[in-house]
Amino acid sequence: MMNFAAIDFETATGCRNSACSVAVTAVEDGKMKDVYYSLIQPPMNKYNYFNIQIHGITPNDTKNAPTFAEIWPELKSHLEGKIVVAHNAKFDMGVLSACLADEGLPTPDFAYCDTVAIARKAWPFLENHKLDTVGTHLHIDFQHHNAMDDARTCAAIPLAAGQELKEDSLESLAKKLGINMCVFGRKGYRR
């Protein structure tokens, strides 16, 4: 059965160094479980009107939120040594890299895979492969730009593709679809 973690960051400005919330949904033996959610105190002056309206998270909400360094030990425990999926993974992994760099924290070791790539290969007939379009195709009712809902939807994509293609692990699904898994923090790839 599939085992992996799905992550989603929301940012206050759309820039990688303005994370304001993060969520992780774990998949163990093909079953989803929400394992982590936290608001994050973004760097000063990292809010704008547009993204407050999208996320519903204001500077007042995160004023007393923990810093990334404070949440990192628990967040890391849900990622390290696992395969991680994210929608538009390059952006979310960039947010994670920026948070780690800003705090001077070492890079954890895990492989990650992009659910956009999975969706493109599994459902090429879709108009586009944005999270809301794929979620609608999979009949998932979720609030887009909510970190926990987005993490759940990210977890559902490889599960649904795996069921349709009769693959029981993320590694075999990626191989069947011809998708690379990247190693976080390194430029190398593994198949």
Protein backbone atom coordinates (compact mmCIF):
# COMPACT_ATOMS: atom_id res chain seq x y z
CA MET A 1 0.00 0.00 0.00
CA MET A 2 1.08 3.57 -0.56
CA ASN A 3 3.13 5.35 2.10
CA PHE A 4 4.15 9.00 1.73
CA ALA A 5 3.56 12.50 3.13
CA ALA A 6 1.79 15.39 1.38
CA ILE A 7 2.79 18.95 2.24
CA ASP A 8 1.39 22.37 1.45
CA PHE A 9 2.67 25.83 2.35
CA GLU A 10 0.64 29.00 2.08
CA THR A 11 2.54 32.25 1.68
CA ALA A 12 1.56 35.76 2.67
CA THR A 13 2.76 37.40 -0.56
CA GLY A 14 3.21 34.58 -3.04
CA CYS A 15 6.98 34.86 -2.49
CA ARG A 16 8.89 31.87 -1.17
CA ASN A 17 10.22 33.69 1.89
CA SER A 18 6.78 34.63 3.25
CA ALA A 19 5.38 31.32 4.56
CA CYS A 20 2.38 31.91 6.82
CA SER A 21 1.05 28.35 7.26
CA VAL A 22 2.00 24.74 6.57
CA ALA A 23 0.16 21.41 6.71
CA VAL A 24 1.12 17.76 6.29
CA THR A 25 -1.15 14.80 5.56
CA ALA A 26 0.45 11.38 5.99
CA VAL A 27 -0.54 8.37 3.92
CA GLU A 28 0.18 5.04 5.58
CA ASP A 29 -0.95 1.81 3.97
CA GLY A 30 -3.11 3.85 1.61
CA LYS A 31 -4.98 5.68 4.40
CA MET A 32 -4.80 9.45 4.86
CA LYS A 33 -4.32 11.09 8.24
CA ASP A 34 -3.79 14.78 8.97
CA VAL A 35 -0.62 14.91 11.05
CA TYR A 36 0.50 18.53 11.18
CA TYR A 37 -0.78 22.09 10.79
CA SER A 38 0.68 25.37 12.00
CA LEU A 39 0.51 29.05 11.32
CA ILE A 40 3.98 30.52 10.83
CA GLN A 41 5.13 34.02 11.70
CA PRO A 42 6.40 35.33 8.35
CA PRO A 43 9.24 37.86 8.18
CA MET A 44 8.23 41.44 8.92
CA ASN A 45 6.30 43.31 6.24
CA LYS A 46 5.61 40.14 4.27
CA TYR A 47 1.86 40.63 3.78
CA ASN A 48 -0.18 42.16 1.01
CA TYR A 49 -3.90 42.68 0.52
CA PHE A 50 -4.31 40.14 -2.31
CA ASN A 51 -3.02 37.17 -0.35
CA ILE A 52 -4.83 38.10 2.87
CA GLN A 53 -8.04 37.85 0.85
CA ILE A 54 -7.09 34.47 -0.66
CA HIS A 55 -5.95 32.75 2.52
CA GLY A 56 -7.96 34.59 5.10
CA ILE A 57 -4.81 34.75 7.24
CA THR A 58 -3.95 38.24 8.43
CA PRO A 59 -0.87 39.71 10.09
CA ASN A 60 -2.87 39.72 13.35
CA ASP A 61 -3.43 35.92 13.04
CA THR A 62 0.28 35.22 12.81
CA LYS A 63 1.46 37.93 15.22
CA ASN A 64 1.84 35.36 18.04
CA ALA A 65 2.41 32.35 15.79
CA PRO A 66 5.63 30.38 16.17
CA THR A 67 8.60 31.07 13.93
CA PHE A 68 9.65 28.48 11.39
CA ALA A 69 12.61 27.52 13.61
CA GLU A 70 10.18 26.75 16.44
CA ILE A 71 7.96 24.47 14.35
CA TRP A 72 10.78 22.85 12.39
CA PRO A 73 11.59 19.94 14.75
CA GLU A 74 8.04 18.57 14.59
CA LEU A 75 7.53 19.38 10.91
CA LYS A 76 10.84 17.70 10.08
CA SER A 77 9.74 14.51 11.85
CA HIS A 78 6.84 14.19 9.38
CA LEU A 79 9.09 14.61 6.30
CA GLU A 80 12.55 13.19 6.93
CA GLY A 81 13.15 9.76 5.43
CA LYS A 82 9.81 9.76 3.61
CA ILE A 83 8.71 10.45 0.06
CA VAL A 84 6.90 13.78 0.02
CA VAL A 85 4.37 15.00 -2.54
CA ALA A 86 3.26 18.56 -3.21
CA HIS A 87 1.26 20.27 -5.92
CA ASN A 88 3.66 22.41 -7.90
CA ALA A 89 6.34 20.85 -5.72
CA LYS A 90 9.05 23.15 -7.02
CA PHE A 91 7.28 26.08 -5.32
CA ASP A 92 6.61 24.31 -2.00
CA MET A 93 10.13 22.88 -1.86
CA GLY A 94 11.39 26.40 -2.63
CA VAL A 95 9.37 27.73 0.33
CA LEU A 96 10.86 25.02 2.55
CA SER A 97 14.38 25.84 1.28
CA ALA A 98 13.85 29.56 1.92
CA CYS A 99 12.55 28.90 5.46
CA LEU A 100 15.52 26.66 6.23
CA ALA A 101 18.00 29.17 4.78
CA ASP A 102 16.45 32.11 6.66
CA GLU A 103 16.84 30.21 9.94
CA GLY A 104 20.26 28.70 9.13
CA LEU A 105 18.87 25.15 9.51
CA PRO A 106 20.35 22.09 7.78
CA THR A 107 18.54 20.47 4.88
CA PRO A 108 16.68 17.23 5.68
CA ASP A 109 16.94 14.13 3.52
CA PHE A 110 13.85 13.08 1.59
CA ALA A 111 12.70 12.48 -1.96
CA TYR A 112 9.78 14.43 -3.37
CA CYS A 113 7.41 14.17 -6.29
CA ASP A 114 5.14 16.69 -7.98
CA THR A 115 1.41 15.90 -8.05
CA VAL A 116 1.01 18.14 -11.11
CA ALA A 117 3.25 15.71 -13.01
CA ILE A 118 1.23 12.75 -11.69
CA ALA A 119 -2.06 14.42 -12.71
CA ARG A 120 -0.76 15.34 -16.19
CA LYS A 121 0.24 11.77 -16.91
CA ALA A 122 -2.75 10.08 -15.21
CA TRP A 123 -5.45 12.42 -16.59
CA PRO A 124 -4.09 14.08 -19.75
CA PHE A 125 -7.64 14.93 -20.88
CA LEU A 126 -8.14 17.54 -18.15
CA GLU A 127 -8.30 21.17 -19.26
CA ASN A 128 -5.44 22.01 -16.88
CA HIS A 129 -3.79 20.35 -13.88
CA LYS A 130 -4.24 23.01 -11.23
CA LEU A 131 -5.24 21.74 -7.82
CA ASP A 132 -8.84 22.92 -8.03
CA THR A 133 -9.34 21.33 -11.48
CA VAL A 134 -7.86 17.99 -10.41
CA GLY A 135 -9.79 18.14 -7.13
CA THR A 136 -13.04 18.68 -9.04
CA HIS A 137 -12.22 15.74 -11.32
CA LEU A 138 -11.67 13.55 -8.25
CA HIS A 139 -14.89 14.89 -6.62
CA ILE A 140 -13.02 16.36 -3.66
CA ASP A 141 -14.77 19.15 -1.79
CA PHE A 142 -12.04 21.39 -0.46
CA GLN A 143 -11.17 25.01 0.22
CA HIS A 144 -8.27 25.85 -2.10
CA HIS A 145 -5.51 27.95 -0.48
CA ASN A 146 -6.18 26.37 2.89
CA ALA A 147 -2.98 24.50 3.75
CA MET A 148 -4.71 21.49 5.35
CA ASP A 149 -7.30 21.08 2.58
CA ASP A 150 -4.60 21.45 -0.07
CA ALA A 151 -2.37 18.86 1.66
CA ARG A 152 -5.30 16.40 1.77
CA THR A 153 -5.99 16.97 -1.93
CA CYS A 154 -2.29 16.50 -2.74
CA ALA A 155 -2.42 13.17 -0.90
CA ALA A 156 -5.56 12.12 -2.78
CA ILE A 157 -3.99 12.60 -6.23
CA PRO A 158 -1.40 9.78 -6.12
CA LEU A 159 -3.89 7.57 -4.25
CA ALA A 160 -6.52 8.01 -6.99
CA ALA A 161 -3.97 7.61 -9.80
CA GLY A 162 -2.56 4.51 -8.09
CA GLN A 163 -6.01 2.93 -7.81
CA GLU A 164 -6.84 3.69 -11.44
CA LEU A 165 -3.50 2.35 -12.68
CA LYS A 166 -3.41 -0.53 -10.18
CA GLU A 167 -0.15 0.56 -8.57
CA ASP A 168 0.27 0.14 -4.83
CA SER A 169 3.32 2.30 -4.13
CA LEU A 170 4.30 5.82 -5.04
CA GLU A 171 7.60 4.54 -6.45
CA SER A 172 5.88 2.10 -8.82
CA LEU A 173 3.30 4.72 -9.81
CA ALA A 174 6.03 7.27 -10.62
CA LYS A 175 7.96 4.67 -12.61
CA LYS A 176 4.85 3.65 -14.58
CA LEU A 177 4.04 7.29 -15.37
CA GLY A 178 7.67 8.15 -16.20
CA ILE A 179 7.95 10.73 -13.42
CA ASN A 180 11.22 11.49 -11.63
CA MET A 181 11.43 11.79 -7.89
CA CYS A 182 13.80 14.55 -6.84
CA VAL A 183 16.06 14.46 -3.82
CA PHE A 184 15.38 17.52 -1.67
CA GLY A 185 18.29 19.90 -1.30
CA ARG A 186 20.33 18.24 -4.03
CA LYS A 187 20.35 18.70 -7.76
CA GLY A 188 20.47 14.96 -8.42
CA TYR A 189 17.49 12.86 -9.38
CA ARG A 190 16.53 9.28 -8.86
CA ARG A 191 13.98 7.23 -10.72
